[in-house]
């Protein structure tokens, strides 16, 4: 799925961005989901492909990745942290309003691998 998203035309992604983020969030929230790390990577790829156009989805994306950082699986936490990093790299100064939440999350996980 990540490969498809990375090669898709940006106009197609923008048309389906809300649907894609909503579906990924729903699947990640399922207790029976066995491929969370792959879905976090897919979400990260989506953010990278959509670049600054994801600004309106920042609260949703932050909640998804905060939940990912709270899981017990190391691979899930790593994938969520990498997606989180991708979002901050792309949006830069646009993340300033979320600085408090970001710092709280990062400080609570600073001793993780």
C-alpha atoms as a PDB file:
ATOM      1  CA  UNK A   1       0.000   0.000   0.000  1.00  0.00           C
ATOM      2  CA  UNK A   2       2.873   2.364   0.786  1.00  0.00           C
ATOM      3  CA  UNK A   3       4.373   1.811  -2.663  1.00  0.00           C
ATOM      4  CA  UNK A   4       1.051   2.600  -4.328  1.00  0.00           C
ATOM      5  CA  UNK A   5       0.666   5.786  -2.304  1.00  0.00           C
ATOM      6  CA  UNK A   6       4.216   6.945  -3.021  1.00  0.00           C
ATOM      7  CA  UNK A   7       3.729   6.519  -6.775  1.00  0.00           C
ATOM      8  CA  UNK A   8       0.197   7.930  -6.968  1.00  0.00           C
ATOM      9  CA  UNK A   9      -0.366  11.350  -8.537  1.00  0.00           C
ATOM     10  CA  UNK A  10      -0.686  14.048  -5.914  1.00  0.00           C
ATOM     11  CA  UNK A  11      -4.082  15.110  -7.272  1.00  0.00           C
ATOM     12  CA  UNK A  12      -5.452  11.596  -6.664  1.00  0.00           C
ATOM     13  CA  UNK A  13      -4.064  11.560  -3.130  1.00  0.00           C
ATOM     14  CA  UNK A  14      -5.542  14.939  -2.320  1.00  0.00           C
ATOM     15  CA  UNK A  15      -8.954  13.821  -3.539  1.00  0.00           C
ATOM     16  CA  UNK A  16      -8.856  10.796  -1.213  1.00  0.00           C
ATOM     17  CA  UNK A  17      -6.766  12.146   1.681  1.00  0.00           C
ATOM     18  CA  UNK A  18      -9.599  12.379   4.200  1.00  0.00           C
ATOM     19  CA  UNK A  19     -10.851   8.904   3.357  1.00  0.00           C
ATOM     20  CA  UNK A  20      -7.383   7.361   3.537  1.00  0.00           C
ATOM     21  CA  UNK A  21      -6.529   8.921   6.897  1.00  0.00           C
ATOM     22  CA  UNK A  22      -9.917   7.966   8.340  1.00  0.00           C
ATOM     23  CA  UNK A  23      -9.621   4.357   7.185  1.00  0.00           C
ATOM     24  CA  UNK A  24      -6.071   3.989   8.452  1.00  0.00           C
ATOM     25  CA  UNK A  25      -7.142   5.431  11.802  1.00  0.00           C
ATOM     26  CA  UNK A  26     -10.076   3.028  11.994  1.00  0.00           C
ATOM     27  CA  UNK A  27      -7.897  -0.004  11.191  1.00  0.00           C
ATOM     28  CA  UNK A  28      -5.231   1.035  13.694  1.00  0.00           C
ATOM     29  CA  UNK A  29      -7.919   1.326  16.361  1.00  0.00           C
ATOM     30  CA  UNK A  30      -9.083  -2.251  15.891  1.00  0.00           C
ATOM     31  CA  UNK A  31      -7.823  -4.563  18.659  1.00  0.00           C
ATOM     32  CA  UNK A  32      -7.508  -7.358  16.113  1.00  0.00           C
ATOM     33  CA  UNK A  33      -5.110  -5.389  13.885  1.00  0.00           C
ATOM     34  CA  UNK A  34      -1.936  -7.444  13.451  1.00  0.00           C
ATOM     35  CA  UNK A  35      -0.017  -5.171  11.080  1.00  0.00           C
ATOM     36  CA  UNK A  36       0.038  -1.889  12.963  1.00  0.00           C
ATOM     37  CA  UNK A  37       3.642  -1.057  12.145  1.00  0.00           C
ATOM     38  CA  UNK A  38       2.950  -1.479   8.423  1.00  0.00           C
ATOM     39  CA  UNK A  39      -0.061   0.815   8.723  1.00  0.00           C
ATOM     40  CA  UNK A  40       2.031   3.432  10.545  1.00  0.00           C
ATOM     41  CA  UNK A  41       4.571   3.239   7.718  1.00  0.00           C
ATOM     42  CA  UNK A  42       1.733   3.629   5.200  1.00  0.00           C
ATOM     43  CA  UNK A  43       0.450   6.677   7.065  1.00  0.00           C
ATOM     44  CA  UNK A  44       3.966   8.122   7.108  1.00  0.00           C
ATOM     45  CA  UNK A  45       4.228   7.580   3.347  1.00  0.00           C
ATOM     46  CA  UNK A  46       0.886   9.309   2.895  1.00  0.00           C
ATOM     47  CA  UNK A  47       2.095  12.311   4.892  1.00  0.00           C
ATOM     48  CA  UNK A  48       5.313  12.455   2.899  1.00  0.00           C
ATOM     49  CA  UNK A  49       3.438  12.276  -0.405  1.00  0.00           C
ATOM     50  CA  UNK A  50       0.840  14.880   0.565  1.00  0.00           C
ATOM     51  CA  UNK A  51       3.448  17.173   2.186  1.00  0.00           C
ATOM     52  CA  UNK A  52       2.067  20.515   3.447  1.00  0.00           C
ATOM     53  CA  UNK A  53      -1.485  19.594   2.471  1.00  0.00           C
ATOM     54  CA  UNK A  54      -1.786  17.487   5.639  1.00  0.00           C
ATOM     55  CA  UNK A  55      -1.789  20.579   7.871  1.00  0.00           C
ATOM     56  CA  UNK A  56      -5.545  20.349   8.417  1.00  0.00           C
ATOM     57  CA  UNK A  57      -5.157  16.746   9.624  1.00  0.00           C
ATOM     58  CA  UNK A  58      -2.475  17.424  12.233  1.00  0.00           C
ATOM     59  CA  UNK A  59      -4.726  16.838  15.294  1.00  0.00           C
ATOM     60  CA  UNK A  60      -5.887  13.504  13.858  1.00  0.00           C
ATOM     61  CA  UNK A  61      -2.378  12.466  12.864  1.00  0.00           C
ATOM     62  CA  UNK A  62      -0.982  13.419  16.267  1.00  0.00           C
ATOM     63  CA  UNK A  63      -3.603  11.348  18.049  1.00  0.00           C
ATOM     64  CA  UNK A  64      -2.851   8.367  15.806  1.00  0.00           C
ATOM     65  CA  UNK A  65       0.882   8.553  16.450  1.00  0.00           C
ATOM     66  CA  UNK A  66       0.489   9.239  20.174  1.00  0.00           C
ATOM     67  CA  UNK A  67      -1.585   6.058  20.387  1.00  0.00           C
ATOM     68  CA  UNK A  68       1.145   4.264  18.434  1.00  0.00           C
ATOM     69  CA  UNK A  69       3.814   5.422  20.854  1.00  0.00           C
ATOM     70  CA  UNK A  70       1.760   4.034  23.736  1.00  0.00           C
ATOM     71  CA  UNK A  71       1.587   0.461  22.407  1.00  0.00           C
ATOM     72  CA  UNK A  72       3.596  -2.365  23.924  1.00  0.00           C
ATOM     73  CA  UNK A  73       5.045  -3.552  20.602  1.00  0.00           C
ATOM     74  CA  UNK A  74       8.472  -2.107  19.823  1.00  0.00           C
ATOM     75  CA  UNK A  75       7.961  -2.209  16.031  1.00  0.00           C
ATOM     76  CA  UNK A  76       4.705  -0.264  16.371  1.00  0.00           C
ATOM     77  CA  UNK A  77       6.333   2.377  18.571  1.00  0.00           C
ATOM     78  CA  UNK A  78       9.260   2.703  16.180  1.00  0.00           C
ATOM     79  CA  UNK A  79       7.018   3.092  13.125  1.00  0.00           C
ATOM     80  CA  UNK A  80       4.826   5.615  14.955  1.00  0.00           C
ATOM     81  CA  UNK A  81       7.890   7.619  16.042  1.00  0.00           C
ATOM     82  CA  UNK A  82       9.225   7.672  12.481  1.00  0.00           C
ATOM     83  CA  UNK A  83       5.866   8.886  11.176  1.00  0.00           C
ATOM     84  CA  UNK A  84       5.787  11.515  13.886  1.00  0.00           C
ATOM     85  CA  UNK A  85       9.272  12.634  12.846  1.00  0.00           C
ATOM     86  CA  UNK A  86       8.189  12.778   9.190  1.00  0.00           C
ATOM     87  CA  UNK A  87       5.266  15.054  10.067  1.00  0.00           C
ATOM     88  CA  UNK A  88       7.489  17.444  12.021  1.00  0.00           C
ATOM     89  CA  UNK A  89      10.087  17.554   9.231  1.00  0.00           C
ATOM     90  CA  UNK A  90       7.480  18.378   6.611  1.00  0.00           C
ATOM     91  CA  UNK A  91       5.464  20.931   8.555  1.00  0.00           C
ATOM     92  CA  UNK A  92       8.257  22.542  10.577  1.00  0.00           C
ATOM     93  CA  UNK A  93       7.048  25.853  12.022  1.00  0.00           C
ATOM     94  CA  UNK A  94       3.408  24.930  11.373  1.00  0.00           C
ATOM     95  CA  UNK A  95       3.740  22.496  14.291  1.00  0.00           C
ATOM     96  CA  UNK A  96       4.385  25.312  16.814  1.00  0.00           C
ATOM     97  CA  UNK A  97       0.744  25.367  18.056  1.00  0.00           C
ATOM     98  CA  UNK A  98       1.140  21.679  18.956  1.00  0.00           C
ATOM     99  CA  UNK A  99       4.505  22.119  20.673  1.00  0.00           C
ATOM    100  CA  UNK A 100       3.198  21.424  24.190  1.00  0.00           C
ATOM    101  CA  UNK A 101       1.548  18.147  23.215  1.00  0.00           C
ATOM    102  CA  UNK A 102       4.564  17.071  21.155  1.00  0.00           C
ATOM    103  CA  UNK A 103       7.009  17.772  23.987  1.00  0.00           C
ATOM    104  CA  UNK A 104       4.838  15.942  26.508  1.00  0.00           C
ATOM    105  CA  UNK A 105       4.695  12.858  24.303  1.00  0.00           C
ATOM    106  CA  UNK A 106       8.396  12.903  23.494  1.00  0.00           C
ATOM    107  CA  UNK A 107       9.396  13.417  27.131  1.00  0.00           C
ATOM    108  CA  UNK A 108       7.256  10.489  28.225  1.00  0.00           C
ATOM    109  CA  UNK A 109       9.105   8.244  25.769  1.00  0.00           C
ATOM    110  CA  UNK A 110      12.637   9.613  25.990  1.00  0.00           C
ATOM    111  CA  UNK A 111      14.023   6.489  27.660  1.00  0.00           C
ATOM    112  CA  UNK A 112      12.522   4.133  25.087  1.00  0.00           C
ATOM    113  CA  UNK A 113      14.895   2.403  22.691  1.00  0.00           C
END
